[in-house]
């Protein structure tokens, strides 16, 4: 039994037709630069008498970012985070889309993380020691700046673009 096809349809058409428009590789050079910036920032304000703020800041921020993303999904979209999972990576750690996700949505979430996180860190200024404040700010900026830079490069495709994040690259597709 054969399927009747219309003669004017291409045999290569598919339901989903995405075109790759921009790709940002997570190269070794960028990874080394990324960790060198962190090392310089941490060593600039390093105090060998107090290791706890240095060791605890990154895990605390990961938990805080997780809470913020889950809250964002709950209150704005009003549903569970289908298609998003918790992953660790060099430039992208935390809740990340498993497949293709809207550039607009991913950008909005990352910008909310950036501004809300920075605001809360600054609001804690009177109540937490200076070392904690510095390390939280350093790790917060270090985690989000590469993401925002990548998403800034995808800005022309904000309306119809889809982003796909893998270990080796972040790609932008459009329909």
C-alpha atoms as a PDB file:
ATOM      1  CA  UNK A   1       0.000   0.000   0.000  1.00  0.00           C
ATOM      2  CA  UNK A   2       1.601   3.274  -1.056  1.00  0.00           C
ATOM      3  CA  UNK A   3       0.892   6.707   0.289  1.00  0.00           C
ATOM      4  CA  UNK A   4      -0.418   9.148  -2.293  1.00  0.00           C
ATOM      5  CA  UNK A   5       1.608  12.355  -2.330  1.00  0.00           C
ATOM      6  CA  UNK A   6       0.745  15.556  -4.039  1.00  0.00           C
ATOM      7  CA  UNK A   7       3.066  16.041  -7.004  1.00  0.00           C
ATOM      8  CA  UNK A   8       4.076  19.599  -6.057  1.00  0.00           C
ATOM      9  CA  UNK A   9       5.355  18.683  -2.576  1.00  0.00           C
ATOM     10  CA  UNK A  10       9.033  18.090  -2.135  1.00  0.00           C
ATOM     11  CA  UNK A  11      10.086  14.667  -0.938  1.00  0.00           C
ATOM     12  CA  UNK A  12      12.399  16.366   1.527  1.00  0.00           C
ATOM     13  CA  UNK A  13       9.836  18.541   3.277  1.00  0.00           C
ATOM     14  CA  UNK A  14       9.324  17.922   6.943  1.00  0.00           C
ATOM     15  CA  UNK A  15       6.945  19.196   9.558  1.00  0.00           C
ATOM     16  CA  UNK A  16       9.756  21.006  11.340  1.00  0.00           C
ATOM     17  CA  UNK A  17      12.119  22.978   9.189  1.00  0.00           C
ATOM     18  CA  UNK A  18      14.684  24.897  11.178  1.00  0.00           C
ATOM     19  CA  UNK A  19      17.657  26.679   9.692  1.00  0.00           C
ATOM     20  CA  UNK A  20      20.849  27.154  11.665  1.00  0.00           C
ATOM     21  CA  UNK A  21      21.614  30.884  11.670  1.00  0.00           C
ATOM     22  CA  UNK A  22      24.326  31.249  14.330  1.00  0.00           C
ATOM     23  CA  UNK A  23      26.461  28.926  16.383  1.00  0.00           C
ATOM     24  CA  UNK A  24      28.719  29.751  19.327  1.00  0.00           C
ATOM     25  CA  UNK A  25      31.264  27.032  20.043  1.00  0.00           C
ATOM     26  CA  UNK A  26      32.355  26.413  23.621  1.00  0.00           C
ATOM     27  CA  UNK A  27      35.982  26.137  22.618  1.00  0.00           C
ATOM     28  CA  UNK A  28      38.953  25.355  24.820  1.00  0.00           C
ATOM     29  CA  UNK A  29      40.211  28.916  24.359  1.00  0.00           C
ATOM     30  CA  UNK A  30      36.931  30.380  25.683  1.00  0.00           C
ATOM     31  CA  UNK A  31      36.883  27.904  28.557  1.00  0.00           C
ATOM     32  CA  UNK A  32      40.425  28.814  29.620  1.00  0.00           C
ATOM     33  CA  UNK A  33      39.620  32.526  29.356  1.00  0.00           C
ATOM     34  CA  UNK A  34      36.416  31.984  31.347  1.00  0.00           C
ATOM     35  CA  UNK A  35      38.248  30.266  34.221  1.00  0.00           C
ATOM     36  CA  UNK A  36      41.170  32.722  34.071  1.00  0.00           C
ATOM     37  CA  UNK A  37      38.758  35.615  34.608  1.00  0.00           C
ATOM     38  CA  UNK A  38      37.333  33.816  37.639  1.00  0.00           C
ATOM     39  CA  UNK A  39      40.813  33.106  39.030  1.00  0.00           C
ATOM     40  CA  UNK A  40      41.871  36.736  38.626  1.00  0.00           C
ATOM     41  CA  UNK A  41      38.676  38.023  40.251  1.00  0.00           C
ATOM     42  CA  UNK A  42      38.898  35.584  43.169  1.00  0.00           C
ATOM     43  CA  UNK A  43      42.622  36.073  43.753  1.00  0.00           C
ATOM     44  CA  UNK A  44      42.202  39.842  43.688  1.00  0.00           C
ATOM     45  CA  UNK A  45      40.071  39.729  46.834  1.00  0.00           C
ATOM     46  CA  UNK A  46      41.345  36.442  48.272  1.00  0.00           C
ATOM     47  CA  UNK A  47      41.851  36.109  51.998  1.00  0.00           C
ATOM     48  CA  UNK A  48      43.488  32.849  53.061  1.00  0.00           C
ATOM     49  CA  UNK A  49      42.016  33.110  56.561  1.00  0.00           C
ATOM     50  CA  UNK A  50      38.463  32.608  55.293  1.00  0.00           C
ATOM     51  CA  UNK A  51      37.765  29.787  52.827  1.00  0.00           C
ATOM     52  CA  UNK A  52      34.082  29.256  53.575  1.00  0.00           C
ATOM     53  CA  UNK A  53      32.718  32.178  51.506  1.00  0.00           C
ATOM     54  CA  UNK A  54      34.806  31.096  48.516  1.00  0.00           C
ATOM     55  CA  UNK A  55      33.737  27.446  48.716  1.00  0.00           C
ATOM     56  CA  UNK A  56      30.070  28.041  49.520  1.00  0.00           C
ATOM     57  CA  UNK A  57      29.218  30.906  47.146  1.00  0.00           C
ATOM     58  CA  UNK A  58      28.958  28.890  43.933  1.00  0.00           C
ATOM     59  CA  UNK A  59      26.711  26.108  45.322  1.00  0.00           C
ATOM     60  CA  UNK A  60      24.532  28.704  47.068  1.00  0.00           C
ATOM     61  CA  UNK A  61      24.101  30.600  43.814  1.00  0.00           C
ATOM     62  CA  UNK A  62      23.229  27.431  41.907  1.00  0.00           C
ATOM     63  CA  UNK A  63      20.512  26.663  44.441  1.00  0.00           C
ATOM     64  CA  UNK A  64      19.274  30.251  44.353  1.00  0.00           C
ATOM     65  CA  UNK A  65      19.192  30.282  40.531  1.00  0.00           C
ATOM     66  CA  UNK A  66      17.269  26.993  40.584  1.00  0.00           C
ATOM     67  CA  UNK A  67      14.712  28.462  42.962  1.00  0.00           C
ATOM     68  CA  UNK A  68      14.354  31.595  40.824  1.00  0.00           C
ATOM     69  CA  UNK A  69      13.879  29.690  37.561  1.00  0.00           C
ATOM     70  CA  UNK A  70      11.306  27.348  39.092  1.00  0.00           C
ATOM     71  CA  UNK A  71       9.471  30.326  40.594  1.00  0.00           C
ATOM     72  CA  UNK A  72       9.573  32.140  37.254  1.00  0.00           C
ATOM     73  CA  UNK A  73       8.000  29.188  35.473  1.00  0.00           C
ATOM     74  CA  UNK A  74       5.380  28.756  38.169  1.00  0.00           C
ATOM     75  CA  UNK A  75       4.226  32.377  38.251  1.00  0.00           C
ATOM     76  CA  UNK A  76       4.641  33.494  34.637  1.00  0.00           C
ATOM     77  CA  UNK A  77       3.933  30.440  32.543  1.00  0.00           C
ATOM     78  CA  UNK A  78       1.889  28.692  35.213  1.00  0.00           C
ATOM     79  CA  UNK A  79       3.078  25.206  34.455  1.00  0.00           C
ATOM     80  CA  UNK A  80       5.781  22.710  35.198  1.00  0.00           C
ATOM     81  CA  UNK A  81       9.110  22.990  33.459  1.00  0.00           C
ATOM     82  CA  UNK A  82       8.499  20.460  30.711  1.00  0.00           C
ATOM     83  CA  UNK A  83      11.473  20.203  28.400  1.00  0.00           C
ATOM     84  CA  UNK A  84      13.901  21.707  30.913  1.00  0.00           C
ATOM     85  CA  UNK A  85      16.308  19.766  33.081  1.00  0.00           C
ATOM     86  CA  UNK A  86      19.088  20.414  35.544  1.00  0.00           C
ATOM     87  CA  UNK A  87      22.493  20.086  33.902  1.00  0.00           C
ATOM     88  CA  UNK A  88      26.062  21.018  34.680  1.00  0.00           C
ATOM     89  CA  UNK A  89      28.273  22.554  32.030  1.00  0.00           C
ATOM     90  CA  UNK A  90      31.006  25.077  31.526  1.00  0.00           C
ATOM     91  CA  UNK A  91      28.932  28.070  30.436  1.00  0.00           C
ATOM     92  CA  UNK A  92      25.450  26.749  31.188  1.00  0.00           C
ATOM     93  CA  UNK A  93      24.723  25.238  34.603  1.00  0.00           C
ATOM     94  CA  UNK A  94      21.332  24.928  36.175  1.00  0.00           C
ATOM     95  CA  UNK A  95      17.941  24.527  34.534  1.00  0.00           C
ATOM     96  CA  UNK A  96      18.502  24.468  30.796  1.00  0.00           C
ATOM     97  CA  UNK A  97      16.196  23.512  27.937  1.00  0.00           C
ATOM     98  CA  UNK A  98      16.668  19.917  26.798  1.00  0.00           C
ATOM     99  CA  UNK A  99      15.937  20.627  23.153  1.00  0.00           C
ATOM    100  CA  UNK A 100      14.973  23.734  21.279  1.00  0.00           C
ATOM    101  CA  UNK A 101      13.591  26.648  23.304  1.00  0.00           C
ATOM    102  CA  UNK A 102      12.588  30.135  22.334  1.00  0.00           C
ATOM    103  CA  UNK A 103      15.456  32.639  22.326  1.00  0.00           C
ATOM    104  CA  UNK A 104      13.049  35.139  23.863  1.00  0.00           C
ATOM    105  CA  UNK A 105      12.154  32.821  26.764  1.00  0.00           C
ATOM    106  CA  UNK A 106      15.738  31.807  27.525  1.00  0.00           C
ATOM    107  CA  UNK A 107      16.879  35.454  27.313  1.00  0.00           C
ATOM    108  CA  UNK A 108      14.079  36.605  29.580  1.00  0.00           C
ATOM    109  CA  UNK A 109      14.899  33.944  32.175  1.00  0.00           C
ATOM    110  CA  UNK A 110      18.626  34.750  32.129  1.00  0.00           C
ATOM    111  CA  UNK A 111      17.987  38.499  32.414  1.00  0.00           C
ATOM    112  CA  UNK A 112      15.629  37.908  35.332  1.00  0.00           C
ATOM    113  CA  UNK A 113      18.268  35.734  36.995  1.00  0.00           C
ATOM    114  CA  UNK A 114      20.877  38.437  36.458  1.00  0.00           C
ATOM    115  CA  UNK A 115      18.883  41.402  37.777  1.00  0.00           C
ATOM    116  CA  UNK A 116      17.000  39.683  40.591  1.00  0.00           C
ATOM    117  CA  UNK A 117      20.143  37.891  41.773  1.00  0.00           C
ATOM    118  CA  UNK A 118      22.207  41.079  41.696  1.00  0.00           C
ATOM    119  CA  UNK A 119      19.448  43.001  43.492  1.00  0.00           C
ATOM    120  CA  UNK A 120      19.180  40.418  46.260  1.00  0.00           C
ATOM    121  CA  UNK A 121      22.946  40.298  46.714  1.00  0.00           C
ATOM    122  CA  UNK A 122      22.991  44.105  47.012  1.00  0.00           C
ATOM    123  CA  UNK A 123      20.013  44.083  49.394  1.00  0.00           C
ATOM    124  CA  UNK A 124      21.909  41.693  51.652  1.00  0.00           C
ATOM    125  CA  UNK A 125      24.765  44.205  51.914  1.00  0.00           C
ATOM    126  CA  UNK A 126      23.947  45.417  55.453  1.00  0.00           C
ATOM    127  CA  UNK A 127      23.510  41.913  56.873  1.00  0.00           C
ATOM    128  CA  UNK A 128      26.274  39.766  55.388  1.00  0.00           C
ATOM    129  CA  UNK A 129      30.027  40.149  55.740  1.00  0.00           C
ATOM    130  CA  UNK A 130      31.954  41.856  52.960  1.00  0.00           C
ATOM    131  CA  UNK A 131      33.750  38.636  51.902  1.00  0.00           C
ATOM    132  CA  UNK A 132      30.432  36.858  51.306  1.00  0.00           C
ATOM    133  CA  UNK A 133      29.114  39.831  49.367  1.00  0.00           C
ATOM    134  CA  UNK A 134      32.188  39.975  47.139  1.00  0.00           C
ATOM    135  CA  UNK A 135      32.274  36.245  46.378  1.00  0.00           C
ATOM    136  CA  UNK A 136      28.547  36.045  45.734  1.00  0.00           C
ATOM    137  CA  UNK A 137      28.779  38.975  43.321  1.00  0.00           C
ATOM    138  CA  UNK A 138      31.863  37.550  41.578  1.00  0.00           C
ATOM    139  CA  UNK A 139      30.304  34.112  41.063  1.00  0.00           C
ATOM    140  CA  UNK A 140      26.956  35.565  40.048  1.00  0.00           C
ATOM    141  CA  UNK A 141      28.531  37.736  37.352  1.00  0.00           C
ATOM    142  CA  UNK A 142      30.876  34.939  36.293  1.00  0.00           C
ATOM    143  CA  UNK A 143      28.011  32.497  35.830  1.00  0.00           C
ATOM    144  CA  UNK A 144      25.689  34.789  33.896  1.00  0.00           C
ATOM    145  CA  UNK A 145      27.899  37.002  31.737  1.00  0.00           C
ATOM    146  CA  UNK A 146      28.808  34.306  29.159  1.00  0.00           C
ATOM    147  CA  UNK A 147      25.160  33.296  28.856  1.00  0.00           C
ATOM    148  CA  UNK A 148      24.039  36.877  28.369  1.00  0.00           C
ATOM    149  CA  UNK A 149      26.824  37.479  25.841  1.00  0.00           C
ATOM    150  CA  UNK A 150      25.752  34.422  23.820  1.00  0.00           C
ATOM    151  CA  UNK A 151      22.089  35.411  23.962  1.00  0.00           C
ATOM    152  CA  UNK A 152      23.010  38.987  22.998  1.00  0.00           C
ATOM    153  CA  UNK A 153      24.557  37.581  19.829  1.00  0.00           C
ATOM    154  CA  UNK A 154      21.231  35.836  19.109  1.00  0.00           C
ATOM    155  CA  UNK A 155      19.259  39.072  19.623  1.00  0.00           C
ATOM    156  CA  UNK A 156      18.373  39.582  15.914  1.00  0.00           C
ATOM    157  CA  UNK A 157      16.478  36.269  16.034  1.00  0.00           C
ATOM    158  CA  UNK A 158      14.616  37.049  19.266  1.00  0.00           C
ATOM    159  CA  UNK A 159      11.124  36.848  17.767  1.00  0.00           C
ATOM    160  CA  UNK A 160      11.297  33.591  15.845  1.00  0.00           C
ATOM    161  CA  UNK A 161      14.591  32.072  16.963  1.00  0.00           C
ATOM    162  CA  UNK A 162      15.097  28.856  18.844  1.00  0.00           C
ATOM    163  CA  UNK A 163      18.157  28.134  20.950  1.00  0.00           C
ATOM    164  CA  UNK A 164      19.699  24.708  21.489  1.00  0.00           C
ATOM    165  CA  UNK A 165      22.321  24.274  24.189  1.00  0.00           C
ATOM    166  CA  UNK A 166      24.745  21.366  24.147  1.00  0.00           C
ATOM    167  CA  UNK A 167      28.049  20.684  25.890  1.00  0.00           C
ATOM    168  CA  UNK A 168      30.100  21.864  22.923  1.00  0.00           C
ATOM    169  CA  UNK A 169      28.020  24.699  21.482  1.00  0.00           C
ATOM    170  CA  UNK A 170      25.023  26.961  21.730  1.00  0.00           C
ATOM    171  CA  UNK A 171      23.116  27.240  18.475  1.00  0.00           C
ATOM    172  CA  UNK A 172      20.359  29.485  17.192  1.00  0.00           C
ATOM    173  CA  UNK A 173      17.823  28.245  14.666  1.00  0.00           C
ATOM    174  CA  UNK A 174      15.021  30.024  12.881  1.00  0.00           C
ATOM    175  CA  UNK A 175      12.032  28.777  10.967  1.00  0.00           C
END
